[in-house]
Protein backbone atom coordinates (compact mmCIF):
# COMPACT_ATOMS: atom_id res chain seq x y z
CA MET A 1 -24.37 22.97 63.68
CA GLN A 2 -24.12 25.49 60.89
CA GLU A 3 -20.38 24.89 60.66
CA ASN A 4 -21.14 21.25 60.04
CA TYR A 5 -23.32 22.18 57.05
CA ILE A 6 -20.65 24.50 55.73
CA ASP A 7 -18.07 21.70 55.94
CA ILE A 8 -20.42 19.30 54.16
CA ILE A 9 -21.13 21.84 51.40
CA SER A 10 -17.43 22.59 51.05
CA ASN A 11 -16.68 18.88 50.80
CA ILE A 12 -19.39 18.44 48.14
CA LYS A 13 -17.98 21.36 46.15
CA GLU A 14 -14.49 19.84 46.22
CA LYS A 15 -15.78 16.48 45.06
CA LEU A 16 -17.84 18.09 42.30
CA THR A 17 -14.77 19.99 41.13
CA GLU A 18 -12.80 16.72 41.06
CA ILE A 19 -15.57 14.98 39.12
CA ILE A 20 -15.76 17.82 36.60
CA LEU A 21 -11.99 17.74 36.07
CA LYS A 22 -12.04 13.96 35.59
CA PHE A 23 -14.96 14.28 33.19
CA GLU A 24 -13.11 16.86 31.09
CA SER A 25 -10.03 14.66 31.06
CA VAL A 26 -12.01 11.61 29.94
CA LYS A 27 -13.83 13.72 27.36
CA ASP A 28 -10.53 14.93 25.89
CA GLU A 29 -9.15 11.38 25.86
CA ASN A 30 -12.31 10.17 24.11
CA LEU A 31 -11.96 12.81 21.37
CA LYS A 32 -8.31 11.89 20.93
CA LEU A 33 -9.16 8.19 20.60
CA LYS A 34 -11.96 8.90 18.12
CA LYS A 35 -9.57 10.89 15.94
CA GLU A 36 -6.95 8.15 16.15
CA ASN A 37 -9.59 5.55 15.27
CA GLU A 38 -10.64 7.53 12.18
CA GLU A 39 -7.01 7.81 11.07
CA LEU A 40 -6.48 4.07 11.53
CA ILE A 41 -9.64 3.25 9.57
CA LYS A 42 -8.42 5.51 6.76
CA GLU A 43 -5.01 3.81 6.82
CA ILE A 44 -6.62 0.35 6.70
CA LYS A 45 -8.68 1.35 3.66
CA GLU A 46 -5.56 2.65 1.91
CA LYS A 47 -3.66 -0.55 2.71
CA ASP A 48 -6.59 -2.63 1.45
CA ILE A 49 -6.53 -0.74 -1.86
CA GLN A 50 -2.77 -1.22 -2.13
CA PHE A 51 -3.15 -4.92 -1.37
CA LYS A 52 -5.78 -5.37 -4.07
CA GLU A 53 -3.63 -3.52 -6.60
CA LEU A 54 -0.61 -5.68 -5.76
CA GLU A 55 -2.73 -8.82 -5.90
CA ASN A 56 -3.96 -7.83 -9.39
CA LYS A 57 -0.40 -7.12 -10.52
CA PHE A 58 0.72 -10.47 -9.15
CA ASN A 59 -2.11 -12.33 -10.87
CA ASN A 60 -1.42 -10.52 -14.14
CA SER A 61 2.29 -11.29 -14.02
CA LYS A 62 1.55 -14.89 -13.07
CA PHE A 63 -0.86 -15.16 -16.00
CA ALA A 64 1.63 -13.55 -18.39
CA GLY A 65 4.37 -15.88 -17.16
CA ALA A 66 2.12 -18.89 -17.71
CA LEU A 67 1.44 -17.83 -21.28
CA VAL A 68 5.15 -17.42 -22.04
CA SER A 69 6.50 -20.58 -20.43
CA ASP A 70 6.41 -23.98 -22.10
CA ASN A 71 5.15 -25.70 -18.97
CA GLY A 72 2.50 -23.09 -18.37
CA ASN A 73 0.02 -24.16 -21.02
CA GLU A 74 -2.20 -26.03 -18.56
CA GLU A 75 -1.94 -23.21 -16.04
CA ALA A 76 -2.77 -20.66 -18.74
CA LYS A 77 -5.79 -22.70 -19.85
CA SER A 78 -6.93 -23.01 -16.25
CA THR A 79 -6.57 -19.27 -15.68
CA ILE A 80 -8.43 -18.45 -18.90
CA ASN A 81 -11.22 -20.86 -17.97
CA LYS A 82 -11.47 -19.25 -14.54
CA LEU A 83 -11.70 -15.79 -16.10
CA VAL A 84 -14.35 -16.96 -18.57
CA ARG A 85 -16.40 -18.42 -15.69
CA GLU A 86 -16.13 -15.12 -13.81
CA ILE A 87 -17.24 -13.20 -16.92
CA ASP A 88 -20.16 -15.59 -17.43
CA TYR A 89 -21.16 -15.12 -13.81
CA CYS A 90 -21.06 -11.34 -14.19
CA ILE A 91 -23.16 -11.52 -17.37
CA THR A 92 -25.68 -13.69 -15.55
CA LEU A 93 -25.91 -11.13 -12.75
CA LEU A 94 -26.40 -8.32 -15.26
CA ASN A 95 -29.20 -10.18 -17.03
CA ARG A 96 -31.22 -10.53 -13.83
């Protein structure tokens, strides 16, 4: 009878050891994924900043091209009106 208990205890110890090893493995994987996630979030933020800079450059060059071209008068007026509306909106927000 006592041998039976010893076998059961031995079996429980083996399973606990397995569980602990799996837990450590999952814990390590979780840390790795968290680090990778942080790096990807940082990369996304950098790409977003680059995108906004390029978008501003594009809009500026588009605006400059509209001012220079003969056919761009209407486009230039439209862009200027849009900018004036944005400035007015900002002023309104500041006055609140």
